[in-house]
Amino acid sequence: MILKDGAACLRNLIHLFRPASSSLTSKLGACYFCTSHVASLQQPGKPSVFSDDEYADLDWDNLGFSIKPADYMYTMKCSKHENFKQGQLGRYANIELSPSAAVLNYGQGVYEGTKAYRTEDGRILLFRPDLNASRMKIGAERMCMPSPSVDQFVDAVKQIALANKRWVPPPGKGTLYIRPLLIGSGPVLGLGPAPEYTFLAYASPVGNYFKEGSAPLNLYIEEEFVRAAPGGAGGVKAISNYAPVLKALIRAKSRGFSDVLYLDSVNRKNVEEVSSCNIFVVKGNVISTPATNGTILEGITRRSVIEIARDYGYQVEERVIPVDELINADQVFCTGTAVVVAPVGSITYQNKRVEFKTGSRSVYQELYSTLVGIQTGVIEDKKGWTVEV
């Protein structure tokens, strides 16, 4: 009951918070969540930062994709062989870790990325957070960690979105990016699972992920480095998957490319994914994307775009895609929580640049418009994908 009522109680706080008074607790009555967190959320003698009609002081037209910490973060802990229990909101701040924490020494951690959207009528919507929760559970199992239940995860995301409502950009200006993070926070020396785990969630308003904005991307096919190998952890969102791509990414960007497209590690001839997103290939009425076979992350946006494309009558195939087939495609686009649906204007492979169709009448634009329309409440959500906070 506490978890289910947490967001509702926090919503009451938004309307009830005033300068500190001894009557606050009595006003809140029996709401356990509210009374247990008043101390961490209220600043005596000052109005609450919670407000239904106030925006944070930011340049909403130039957000970019960089950290601008929102006011509050969420924390929940548990010991090995136990289950997570009730977490709490607190001010965004540094956390304390032992130098021998498993996440620092052995990279024991997974993370997720989801967003909160502000609609034209002022509502705050989340997009399929239950799928992020399920994916974190799969990743946690792979990394030998306990994980929050789906309900706990979704409740935490709701609380973060509501507590940081003033950081959700105005409609059309961006989104509030929410980063749930699960780490082995307990100390270890020998290789093994941590004795303690911490689940965190924080938020930051963001605009476009790529500096190109909505302009087509220019990708470089990497032949020296690989992102993942069969039997590894490439199919889960482990924190240890991302730093290894930086060398190839930095090198590609220094040459003027937007991002790197990786090939399979066995044959070096089949398309896998971009550094931070999935890839799709369009040829006629057929849309193809590499199958998630353990080396490719099963993206939430990827899954949603596949469903939308099939609704529009496209034939969608999840299969092995040789790089030669990619080069001969009509259109190419990428999908991901951060990038949404981004068109690819060109791909460079073995020093040869191939260009693809982009523009307002392209397949990506049709899928993008529908997806974003559902996420922002412009298009009726008949699939039950959105969750109102």
Protein backbone atom coordinates (compact mmCIF):
# COMPACT_ATOMS: atom_id res chain seq x y z
CA MET A 1 0.00 0.00 0.00
CA ILE A 2 2.86 2.38 0.82
CA LEU A 3 4.38 1.93 -2.64
CA LYS A 4 1.10 2.29 -4.48
CA ASP A 5 0.14 5.40 -2.52
CA GLY A 6 3.56 7.08 -2.60
CA ALA A 7 3.04 9.20 -5.71
CA ALA A 8 -0.50 10.14 -4.65
CA CYS A 9 0.72 11.26 -1.25
CA LEU A 10 3.53 13.25 -2.81
CA ARG A 11 0.95 14.96 -5.00
CA ASN A 12 -0.84 16.00 -1.81
CA LEU A 13 2.41 17.48 -0.57
CA ILE A 14 2.56 19.75 -3.59
CA HIS A 15 -0.72 21.35 -2.57
CA LEU A 16 -0.19 21.24 1.20
CA PHE A 17 3.39 22.43 1.60
CA ARG A 18 3.65 25.92 3.04
CA PRO A 19 6.22 27.55 5.32
CA ALA A 20 6.95 25.16 8.17
CA SER A 21 4.16 24.76 10.68
CA SER A 22 3.37 22.29 13.40
CA SER A 23 0.04 21.46 11.77
CA LEU A 24 1.56 19.95 8.64
CA THR A 25 1.63 16.41 9.95
CA SER A 26 -1.96 16.53 11.10
CA LYS A 27 -3.04 17.80 7.70
CA LEU A 28 -1.38 14.88 6.03
CA GLY A 29 -3.13 12.43 8.33
CA ALA A 30 -2.29 8.77 7.99
CA CYS A 31 -0.22 8.99 4.81
CA TYR A 32 2.90 7.15 5.97
CA PHE A 33 5.01 8.13 2.98
CA CYS A 34 4.31 11.83 3.43
CA THR A 35 5.00 11.96 7.16
CA SER A 36 8.18 9.93 6.84
CA HIS A 37 9.69 12.29 4.28
CA VAL A 38 8.66 15.75 5.50
CA ALA A 39 12.04 16.28 7.14
CA SER A 40 13.99 15.62 3.96
CA LEU A 41 11.73 17.60 1.62
CA GLN A 42 10.74 20.66 3.64
CA GLN A 43 12.94 23.66 4.32
CA PRO A 44 11.75 25.37 7.55
CA GLY A 45 10.64 28.94 7.05
CA LYS A 46 10.75 28.75 3.24
CA PRO A 47 8.05 27.88 0.71
CA SER A 48 8.40 24.45 -0.85
CA VAL A 49 10.05 24.15 -4.27
CA PHE A 50 7.07 22.04 -5.31
CA SER A 51 4.73 24.03 -7.51
CA ASP A 52 2.17 23.21 -10.15
CA ASP A 53 2.78 26.39 -12.13
CA GLU A 54 6.49 27.14 -11.66
CA TYR A 55 9.36 26.24 -13.97
CA ALA A 56 12.99 25.98 -12.99
CA ASP A 57 15.12 28.91 -14.15
CA LEU A 58 16.63 27.44 -17.32
CA ASP A 59 17.11 28.40 -20.95
CA TRP A 60 14.52 25.92 -22.25
CA ASP A 61 15.39 26.69 -25.87
CA ASN A 62 18.99 25.51 -25.48
CA LEU A 63 18.92 22.48 -23.20
CA GLY A 64 21.20 20.10 -25.08
CA PHE A 65 21.95 16.74 -23.46
CA SER A 66 24.07 17.37 -20.38
CA ILE A 67 23.54 17.04 -16.65
CA LYS A 68 21.43 19.74 -15.01
CA PRO A 69 20.46 18.02 -11.77
CA ALA A 70 16.84 18.38 -10.74
CA ASP A 71 16.04 19.00 -7.08
CA TYR A 72 15.41 15.50 -5.79
CA MET A 73 16.76 11.98 -6.07
CA TYR A 74 15.41 8.66 -4.80
CA THR A 75 17.38 6.11 -2.79
CA MET A 76 16.66 2.56 -1.68
CA LYS A 77 19.03 -0.04 -0.20
CA CYS A 78 19.10 -3.74 0.55
CA SER A 79 21.56 -6.41 1.64
CA LYS A 80 22.57 -9.48 -0.32
CA HIS A 81 19.91 -12.22 -0.30
CA GLU A 82 17.25 -9.70 0.82
CA ASN A 83 14.56 -7.73 -1.00
CA PHE A 84 14.42 -3.99 -1.46
CA LYS A 85 12.05 -2.23 0.90
CA GLN A 86 10.68 1.30 1.00
CA GLY A 87 13.00 3.99 -0.38
CA GLN A 88 12.94 7.73 0.14
CA LEU A 89 13.33 11.02 -1.64
CA GLY A 90 16.07 13.42 -0.69
CA ARG A 91 17.89 16.37 -2.15
CA TYR A 92 20.14 15.60 -5.13
CA ALA A 93 23.60 15.24 -3.61
CA ASN A 94 26.81 13.26 -3.77
CA ILE A 95 26.67 9.75 -2.34
CA GLU A 96 29.20 8.07 -0.07
CA LEU A 97 30.84 4.84 -1.23
CA SER A 98 33.56 2.64 0.20
CA PRO A 99 36.73 2.63 -1.95
CA SER A 100 36.22 -1.12 -2.11
CA ALA A 101 32.59 -0.91 -3.32
CA ALA A 102 31.89 -3.62 -5.88
CA VAL A 103 30.69 -1.09 -8.43
CA LEU A 104 34.02 0.76 -8.27
CA ASN A 105 36.25 -2.30 -8.30
CA TYR A 106 34.37 -4.76 -10.48
CA GLY A 107 31.75 -2.72 -12.31
CA GLN A 108 28.78 -4.44 -10.66
CA GLY A 109 25.92 -2.25 -11.78
CA VAL A 110 23.12 -1.71 -14.28
CA TYR A 111 21.13 1.36 -15.21
CA GLU A 112 18.06 2.47 -17.11
CA GLY A 113 16.90 5.58 -18.91
CA THR A 114 13.33 6.82 -19.18
CA LYS A 115 11.61 10.18 -19.60
CA ALA A 116 8.79 12.33 -18.26
CA TYR A 117 6.83 14.41 -20.78
CA ARG A 118 4.74 17.53 -20.20
CA THR A 119 1.53 17.67 -22.25
CA GLU A 120 -0.10 20.79 -23.66
CA ASP A 121 -2.73 20.64 -20.89
CA GLY A 122 -0.10 20.40 -18.15
CA ARG A 123 -0.16 16.69 -17.37
CA ILE A 124 3.06 14.74 -16.76
CA LEU A 125 3.33 11.40 -18.58
CA LEU A 126 5.78 8.51 -18.35
CA PHE A 127 6.32 6.08 -21.21
CA ARG A 128 6.26 2.33 -20.54
CA PRO A 129 8.27 2.47 -17.28
CA ASP A 130 7.24 -1.10 -16.52
CA LEU A 131 9.40 -2.28 -19.42
CA ASN A 132 12.40 -0.44 -17.99
CA ALA A 133 11.72 -2.12 -14.66
CA SER A 134 11.57 -5.56 -16.27
CA ARG A 135 14.76 -4.91 -18.22
CA MET A 136 16.56 -3.84 -15.04
CA LYS A 137 15.51 -7.09 -13.36
CA ILE A 138 16.95 -9.10 -16.26
CA GLY A 139 20.19 -7.11 -16.14
CA ALA A 140 20.42 -7.41 -12.36
CA GLU A 141 20.06 -11.18 -12.56
CA ARG A 142 22.88 -11.30 -15.13
CA MET A 143 25.09 -9.22 -12.81
CA CYS A 144 24.18 -11.24 -9.68
CA MET A 145 22.27 -8.45 -7.96
CA PRO A 146 18.88 -8.20 -6.27
CA SER A 147 16.61 -5.69 -7.96
CA PRO A 148 13.53 -3.64 -7.10
CA SER A 149 10.18 -5.13 -8.04
CA VAL A 150 8.40 -3.67 -11.06
CA ASP A 151 6.01 -1.80 -8.75
CA GLN A 152 8.88 -0.40 -6.67
CA PHE A 153 10.73 0.75 -9.79
CA VAL A 154 7.68 2.42 -11.35
CA ASP A 155 6.74 4.06 -8.04
CA ALA A 156 10.25 5.50 -7.70
CA VAL A 157 10.12 6.93 -11.22
CA LYS A 158 6.70 8.45 -10.53
CA GLN A 159 7.98 10.07 -7.34
CA ILE A 160 11.03 11.50 -9.11
CA ALA A 161 8.89 12.95 -11.91
CA LEU A 162 6.41 14.50 -9.48
CA ALA A 163 8.98 15.85 -7.02
CA ASN A 164 10.91 17.44 -9.91
CA LYS A 165 7.87 18.63 -11.83
CA ARG A 166 9.22 22.16 -12.30
CA TRP A 167 12.18 20.65 -14.17
CA VAL A 168 9.97 18.99 -16.78
CA PRO A 169 10.43 21.23 -19.85
CA PRO A 170 7.50 23.06 -21.44
CA PRO A 171 5.79 21.16 -24.29
CA GLY A 172 8.02 21.00 -27.34
CA LYS A 173 11.14 22.13 -25.47
CA GLY A 174 12.47 18.79 -24.25
CA THR A 175 11.86 16.13 -21.61
CA LEU A 176 12.88 15.23 -18.09
CA TYR A 177 15.38 12.39 -18.44
CA ILE A 178 15.20 10.00 -15.47
CA ARG A 179 18.17 7.74 -14.70
CA PRO A 180 17.47 4.74 -12.42
CA LEU A 181 20.72 3.14 -11.30
CA LEU A 182 21.38 -0.11 -9.43
CA ILE A 183 24.87 -0.63 -8.01
CA GLY A 184 26.83 -2.98 -5.80
CA SER A 185 27.56 -0.42 -3.10
CA GLY A 186 28.91 -2.79 -0.44
CA PRO A 187 32.67 -3.37 0.01
CA VAL A 188 34.48 -6.36 -1.50
CA LEU A 189 38.11 -7.28 -2.08
CA GLY A 190 38.05 -10.66 -3.74
CA LEU A 191 35.93 -11.00 -6.86
CA GLY A 192 32.36 -11.63 -5.78
CA PRO A 193 28.92 -10.04 -5.37
CA ALA A 194 28.62 -7.06 -3.06
CA PRO A 195 27.11 -7.51 0.41
CA GLU A 196 24.91 -4.40 -0.07
CA TYR A 197 23.07 -2.81 -3.01
CA THR A 198 21.77 0.67 -3.69
CA PHE A 199 19.04 1.70 -6.09
CA LEU A 200 19.15 5.37 -7.09
CA ALA A 201 17.08 7.51 -9.42
CA TYR A 202 17.83 11.09 -10.40
CA ALA A 203 16.68 13.39 -13.17
CA SER A 204 17.83 16.10 -15.55
CA PRO A 205 15.97 18.11 -18.21
CA VAL A 206 17.30 17.41 -21.69
CA GLY A 207 16.89 18.42 -25.30
CA ASN A 208 18.32 16.64 -28.35
CA TYR A 209 20.89 13.92 -27.69
CA PHE A 210 22.99 14.64 -30.77
CA LYS A 211 24.54 18.05 -31.41
CA GLU A 212 23.03 17.86 -34.90
CA GLY A 213 19.61 18.25 -33.27
CA SER A 214 17.05 16.76 -35.64
CA ALA A 215 19.46 16.82 -38.60
CA PRO A 216 20.40 13.46 -40.17
CA LEU A 217 23.23 11.55 -38.52
CA ASN A 218 26.49 10.58 -40.17
CA LEU A 219 27.63 7.19 -38.90
CA TYR A 220 30.98 5.46 -39.14
CA ILE A 221 31.18 1.65 -39.27
CA GLU A 222 33.85 0.51 -36.81
CA GLU A 223 36.02 -2.40 -37.92
CA GLU A 224 38.74 -2.45 -35.26
CA PHE A 225 36.70 -2.47 -32.05
CA VAL A 226 33.55 -4.42 -31.15
CA ARG A 227 30.84 -3.52 -28.68
CA ALA A 228 29.84 -6.99 -27.45
CA ALA A 229 30.52 -10.70 -27.93
CA PRO A 230 28.36 -13.83 -27.69
CA GLY A 231 28.09 -15.00 -24.10
CA GLY A 232 28.92 -11.56 -22.73
CA ALA A 233 26.67 -8.89 -21.24
CA GLY A 234 25.92 -6.87 -24.37
CA GLY A 235 22.23 -7.72 -24.17
CA VAL A 236 21.74 -6.05 -20.77
CA LYS A 237 22.24 -2.45 -19.72
CA ALA A 238 25.34 -3.08 -17.62
CA ILE A 239 27.38 0.00 -16.76
CA SER A 240 30.51 -1.83 -17.88
CA ASN A 241 29.28 -1.91 -21.49
CA TYR A 242 29.68 1.78 -22.15
CA ALA A 243 33.17 3.02 -21.28
CA PRO A 244 34.77 0.55 -23.74
CA VAL A 245 33.00 2.25 -26.68
CA LEU A 246 34.44 5.67 -25.84
CA LYS A 247 37.72 5.19 -27.69
CA ALA A 248 36.01 4.41 -30.99
CA LEU A 249 33.36 7.08 -30.40
CA ILE A 250 35.84 9.86 -29.63
CA ARG A 251 37.92 8.90 -32.66
CA ALA A 252 34.86 8.95 -34.94
CA LYS A 253 33.66 12.31 -33.62
CA SER A 254 37.09 13.81 -34.12
CA ARG A 255 36.66 12.91 -37.80
CA GLY A 256 33.28 14.63 -38.01
CA PHE A 257 30.97 11.65 -37.55
CA SER A 258 27.93 11.61 -35.26
CA ASP A 259 28.39 8.13 -33.83
CA VAL A 260 29.78 4.64 -34.40
CA LEU A 261 27.97 1.62 -35.83
CA TYR A 262 29.38 -1.71 -34.63
CA LEU A 263 29.60 -5.04 -36.43
CA ASP A 264 29.32 -8.51 -34.91
CA SER A 265 32.44 -9.75 -33.13
CA VAL A 266 32.57 -13.16 -34.82
CA ASN A 267 32.42 -12.46 -38.56
CA ARG A 268 32.79 -8.65 -38.59
CA LYS A 269 30.23 -8.43 -41.39
CA ASN A 270 26.81 -8.16 -39.71
CA VAL A 271 25.29 -4.97 -38.31
CA GLU A 272 24.69 -4.86 -34.54
CA GLU A 273 23.98 -1.44 -33.00
CA VAL A 274 25.19 2.12 -32.57
CA SER A 275 27.00 3.17 -29.37
CA SER A 276 23.82 4.22 -27.59
CA CYS A 277 20.91 3.17 -29.79
CA ASN A 278 19.41 0.49 -32.04
CA ILE A 279 19.43 0.71 -35.84
CA PHE A 280 16.76 0.07 -38.49
CA VAL A 281 17.08 -0.47 -42.24
CA VAL A 282 14.30 0.35 -44.72
CA LYS A 283 13.98 -1.23 -48.16
CA GLY A 284 10.65 -0.72 -49.90
CA ASN A 285 7.88 -1.72 -47.48
CA VAL A 286 10.22 -3.83 -45.33
CA ILE A 287 11.79 -2.49 -42.14
CA SER A 288 14.58 -4.65 -40.71
CA THR A 289 16.50 -4.45 -37.46
CA PRO A 290 19.14 -6.77 -35.96
CA ALA A 291 17.65 -9.46 -33.75
CA THR A 292 18.39 -9.19 -30.03
CA ASN A 293 20.45 -12.35 -29.61
CA GLY A 294 22.41 -11.57 -26.46
CA THR A 295 24.80 -9.00 -27.90
CA ILE A 296 22.22 -6.32 -28.70
CA LEU A 297 20.21 -4.37 -26.14
CA GLU A 298 16.45 -4.77 -26.48
CA GLY A 299 15.45 -1.11 -26.47
CA ILE A 300 12.08 0.12 -25.22
CA THR A 301 11.87 2.60 -28.09
CA ARG A 302 12.94 -0.15 -30.51
CA ARG A 303 10.09 -2.36 -29.34
CA SER A 304 7.58 0.49 -29.54
CA VAL A 305 8.64 1.52 -33.04
CA ILE A 306 8.31 -2.08 -34.25
CA GLU A 307 4.73 -2.17 -32.99
CA ILE A 308 3.87 1.19 -34.56
CA ALA A 309 5.45 0.21 -37.89
CA ARG A 310 3.41 -2.99 -38.02
CA ASP A 311 0.25 -1.00 -37.27
CA TYR A 312 1.03 1.11 -40.35
CA GLY A 313 1.31 -1.99 -42.51
CA TYR A 314 5.07 -2.28 -42.79
CA GLN A 315 6.66 -5.71 -42.79
CA VAL A 316 9.06 -5.69 -39.86
CA GLU A 317 11.84 -8.26 -39.65
CA GLU A 318 14.17 -8.94 -36.72
CA ARG A 319 17.11 -10.84 -38.17
CA VAL A 320 20.78 -10.83 -39.12
CA ILE A 321 21.57 -7.86 -41.39
CA PRO A 322 24.81 -8.07 -43.42
CA VAL A 323 26.61 -4.76 -43.76
CA ASP A 324 26.31 -5.05 -47.56
CA GLU A 325 22.54 -5.04 -47.23
CA LEU A 326 22.70 -1.96 -45.02
CA ILE A 327 24.72 -0.11 -47.64
CA ASN A 328 22.01 -0.79 -50.23
CA ALA A 329 19.10 0.37 -48.06
CA ASP A 330 16.66 3.12 -49.04
CA GLN A 331 16.53 4.63 -45.58
CA VAL A 332 18.21 4.08 -42.21
CA PHE A 333 17.27 5.36 -38.77
CA CYS A 334 18.17 4.86 -35.11
CA THR A 335 15.99 4.50 -32.01
CA GLY A 336 16.57 4.91 -28.30
CA THR A 337 15.21 6.67 -25.21
CA ALA A 338 17.76 9.45 -25.52
CA VAL A 339 17.79 9.76 -29.32
CA VAL A 340 14.05 8.94 -29.82
CA VAL A 341 13.90 8.22 -33.60
CA ALA A 342 16.80 9.78 -35.51
CA PRO A 343 17.36 9.69 -39.28
CA VAL A 344 20.70 8.55 -40.69
CA GLY A 345 21.88 10.68 -43.60
CA SER A 346 25.05 8.78 -44.39
CA ILE A 347 27.19 5.80 -43.38
CA THR A 348 30.91 5.54 -44.07
CA TYR A 349 32.35 2.05 -44.49
CA GLN A 350 35.86 1.23 -45.66
CA ASN A 351 36.38 4.85 -46.68
CA LYS A 352 33.24 4.89 -48.83
CA ARG A 353 30.36 7.19 -47.91
CA VAL A 354 26.81 6.11 -48.75
CA GLU A 355 23.90 8.52 -48.42
CA PHE A 356 20.29 7.70 -47.59
CA LYS A 357 16.92 9.35 -48.13
CA THR A 358 15.74 11.63 -45.33
CA GLY A 359 13.13 14.36 -45.08
CA SER A 360 9.51 14.93 -44.16
CA ARG A 361 8.11 12.05 -46.22
CA SER A 362 10.54 9.43 -44.96
CA VAL A 363 9.54 6.38 -42.93
CA TYR A 364 11.41 7.62 -39.85
CA GLN A 365 9.35 10.83 -39.80
CA GLU A 366 6.07 8.92 -39.82
CA LEU A 367 7.20 6.68 -36.97
CA TYR A 368 8.74 9.55 -35.02
CA SER A 369 5.61 11.68 -35.23
CA THR A 370 3.41 8.85 -33.99
CA LEU A 371 5.72 7.81 -31.16
CA VAL A 372 6.25 11.34 -29.86
CA GLY A 373 2.56 12.09 -30.31
CA ILE A 374 1.69 9.21 -27.98
CA GLN A 375 4.43 10.10 -25.50
CA THR A 376 3.29 13.73 -25.23
CA GLY A 377 -0.46 13.11 -25.23
CA VAL A 378 -1.07 14.69 -28.65
CA ILE A 379 -2.18 11.32 -30.03
CA GLU A 380 -4.60 9.18 -28.03
CA ASP A 381 -2.80 6.31 -26.35
CA LYS A 382 -4.86 3.29 -27.33
CA LYS A 383 -2.10 0.88 -26.31
CA GLY A 384 -1.87 1.77 -22.63
CA TRP A 385 1.76 2.78 -22.96
CA THR A 386 1.67 6.05 -21.03
CA VAL A 387 1.36 6.48 -17.27
CA GLU A 388 0.11 9.76 -15.84
CA VAL A 389 1.91 10.95 -12.73
